[in-house]
Structures are given as structure tokens and as C-alpha cells.
Amino acid sequence: MQIRARLTVLIALVTLSLAGGVSAGQGKIPAPPPAQRESAVQSALVDINSASRAQLKTLPGIGDADAERIVAGRPYLSKASLVTDHIIPAGVYQAIRQRIIAIQHTTPGRPATAPHAITRRSI
């Protein structure tokens, strides 16, 4: 008899815990699809090729002098150019690399070219 009572209590506890888990899950808001998450992250990125000095200064470790050097060194082929061109220290770059992007902007009717692009000549 004592085993039957314990088994009944155990079944009741398991049933209540399962019912509580189901009802608690009903109030959760579903996560946005991956495409929406990526666009939200991309919109939060700071483009080092077009951002204003004020926008650059919102990045951690970037002050007036750093923002001025970033603007003066444009355009950048990649965000890593900030370190390779000695614009900012590597430690500051590590702190901001997930928050910046280097978009290659073009003017209408003119293709984008790298500053040191190798061109092919017709012979």
C-alpha cells in the first residue's frame, strides 16, 4: 500500500511539472528569422568609409584623433586596413571589429577600383 501511495504522488508531481512547462512556453515570443537578425546587425554596423566623425566616436576606444585619422585615410578596402595602415592600435581594432564594416562605395557610371589595382593591358 505504501508503494502505491508513493507511486501516485510521483506520477502527480511529474504530471504537474510537465503541465507547468507547457504553459510557461506558451507566453514566449518566437525569435526573429535569421534574415531579420542579420539585417538588424548590419544596420547597427558603422561603415568606416562613410561614417561621420561623430558616428565613429560612438565606437569604444575611438576618440577625436582616431576619428580624424580614420576619415583622413579613406577609402579602406577592408576594415583590417585600420590596423595594417597604422590608423588605430590592434587592441582598439579587436574591441570594435564586430561593430564596423568597410563598404566599397562607387560613383554612378564608374566602376569601383582598388587604389593599387593591377590592370590588364591589351597588346
Protein backbone atom coordinates (compact mmCIF):
# COMPACT_ATOMS: atom_id res chain seq x y z
CA MET A 1 0.00 0.00 0.00
CA GLN A 2 2.79 2.41 0.85
CA ILE A 3 4.46 1.84 -2.54
CA ARG A 4 1.19 2.58 -4.33
CA ALA A 5 0.82 5.91 -2.47
CA ARG A 6 4.38 6.94 -3.29
CA LEU A 7 3.89 5.99 -6.93
CA THR A 8 0.70 8.06 -7.10
CA VAL A 9 2.46 11.08 -5.60
CA LEU A 10 5.36 10.67 -8.03
CA ILE A 11 3.01 10.49 -11.03
CA ALA A 12 1.16 13.59 -9.82
CA LEU A 13 4.41 15.54 -9.45
CA VAL A 14 5.61 14.55 -12.92
CA THR A 15 2.25 15.49 -14.44
CA LEU A 16 2.26 18.90 -12.74
CA SER A 17 5.82 19.65 -13.79
CA LEU A 18 5.07 18.77 -17.42
CA ALA A 19 1.91 20.86 -17.42
CA GLY A 20 3.80 23.82 -15.95
CA GLY A 21 6.48 23.58 -18.64
CA VAL A 22 3.93 23.60 -21.45
CA SER A 23 2.01 26.59 -20.13
CA ALA A 24 5.20 28.53 -19.43
CA GLY A 25 6.35 28.02 -23.01
CA GLN A 26 3.14 29.45 -24.46
CA GLY A 27 3.94 33.02 -23.41
CA LYS A 28 7.36 33.13 -25.09
CA ILE A 29 7.94 35.36 -28.10
CA PRO A 30 9.49 33.49 -31.02
CA ALA A 31 12.95 34.56 -32.20
CA PRO A 32 13.06 36.52 -35.46
CA PRO A 33 14.12 34.64 -38.60
CA PRO A 34 17.89 34.64 -39.38
CA ALA A 35 17.47 37.09 -42.27
CA GLN A 36 15.91 39.69 -39.95
CA ARG A 37 18.62 39.18 -37.33
CA GLU A 38 21.36 39.67 -39.95
CA SER A 39 19.76 42.85 -41.30
CA ALA A 40 19.39 44.24 -37.78
CA VAL A 41 23.06 43.54 -37.06
CA GLN A 42 24.15 45.00 -40.39
CA SER A 43 22.15 48.18 -39.79
CA ALA A 44 23.95 48.60 -36.46
CA LEU A 45 27.37 48.35 -38.13
CA VAL A 46 29.39 51.53 -38.67
CA ASP A 47 30.79 51.90 -42.21
CA ILE A 48 34.31 53.25 -41.82
CA ASN A 49 34.24 54.54 -45.41
CA SER A 50 31.21 56.80 -44.95
CA ALA A 51 30.55 57.34 -41.22
CA SER A 52 30.79 60.83 -39.77
CA ARG A 53 33.31 61.66 -37.09
CA ALA A 54 30.50 61.66 -34.53
CA GLN A 55 29.40 58.17 -35.58
CA LEU A 56 32.98 56.88 -35.39
CA LYS A 57 33.37 58.33 -31.89
CA THR A 58 30.46 56.15 -30.69
CA LEU A 59 32.75 53.14 -31.07
CA PRO A 60 34.63 52.07 -27.92
CA GLY A 61 38.20 53.37 -27.83
CA ILE A 62 37.75 55.84 -30.71
CA GLY A 63 38.31 59.46 -29.76
CA ASP A 64 38.62 62.71 -31.72
CA ALA A 65 42.12 62.00 -33.03
CA ASP A 66 41.28 58.41 -34.06
CA ALA A 67 38.10 59.50 -35.83
CA GLU A 68 40.07 62.18 -37.68
CA ARG A 69 42.71 59.65 -38.80
CA ILE A 70 40.02 57.22 -39.98
CA VAL A 71 38.32 59.91 -42.07
CA ALA A 72 41.63 61.14 -43.50
CA GLY A 73 42.71 57.63 -44.53
CA ARG A 74 39.63 56.80 -46.61
CA PRO A 75 38.80 54.76 -48.62
CA TYR A 76 39.60 51.43 -46.97
CA LEU A 77 39.49 48.13 -48.86
CA SER A 78 38.75 46.23 -45.65
CA LYS A 79 38.19 47.03 -42.02
CA ALA A 80 41.51 45.35 -41.17
CA SER A 81 43.21 48.17 -43.07
CA LEU A 82 42.73 50.30 -39.96
CA VAL A 83 45.48 48.25 -38.31
CA THR A 84 47.67 47.49 -41.33
CA ASP A 85 47.74 51.19 -42.28
CA HIS A 86 48.54 52.12 -38.63
CA ILE A 87 45.36 54.18 -38.19
CA ILE A 88 44.37 52.60 -34.85
CA PRO A 89 46.12 50.17 -32.47
CA ALA A 90 45.40 46.44 -32.78
CA GLY A 91 43.78 46.35 -29.33
CA VAL A 92 41.24 49.02 -30.27
CA TYR A 93 40.55 47.20 -33.54
CA GLN A 94 39.85 43.96 -31.64
CA ALA A 95 37.32 45.83 -29.50
CA ILE A 96 35.43 47.30 -32.48
CA ARG A 97 35.90 44.77 -35.30
CA GLN A 98 32.46 43.24 -34.79
CA ARG A 99 30.83 46.68 -34.97
CA ILE A 100 32.43 48.06 -38.15
CA ILE A 101 32.32 47.37 -41.88
CA ALA A 102 34.11 48.78 -44.93
CA ILE A 103 31.66 49.15 -47.81
CA GLN A 104 33.17 49.99 -51.18
CA HIS A 105 31.16 52.95 -52.49
CA THR A 106 31.04 53.74 -56.18
CA THR A 107 30.00 56.77 -58.17
CA PRO A 108 27.32 56.27 -60.85
CA GLY A 109 28.78 55.26 -64.20
CA ARG A 110 32.19 54.48 -62.75
CA PRO A 111 33.25 51.02 -61.53
CA ALA A 112 34.82 50.59 -58.12
CA THR A 113 38.57 50.16 -58.28
CA ALA A 114 41.12 49.50 -55.63
CA PRO A 115 43.73 52.24 -55.08
CA HIS A 116 46.51 49.84 -56.08
CA ALA A 117 44.62 47.66 -58.54
CA ILE A 118 46.58 45.86 -61.21
CA THR A 119 45.11 46.47 -64.65
CA ARG A 120 45.43 44.28 -67.70
CA ARG A 121 46.72 45.95 -70.85
CA SER A 122 45.76 44.97 -74.35
CA ILE A 123 48.75 44.10 -76.52
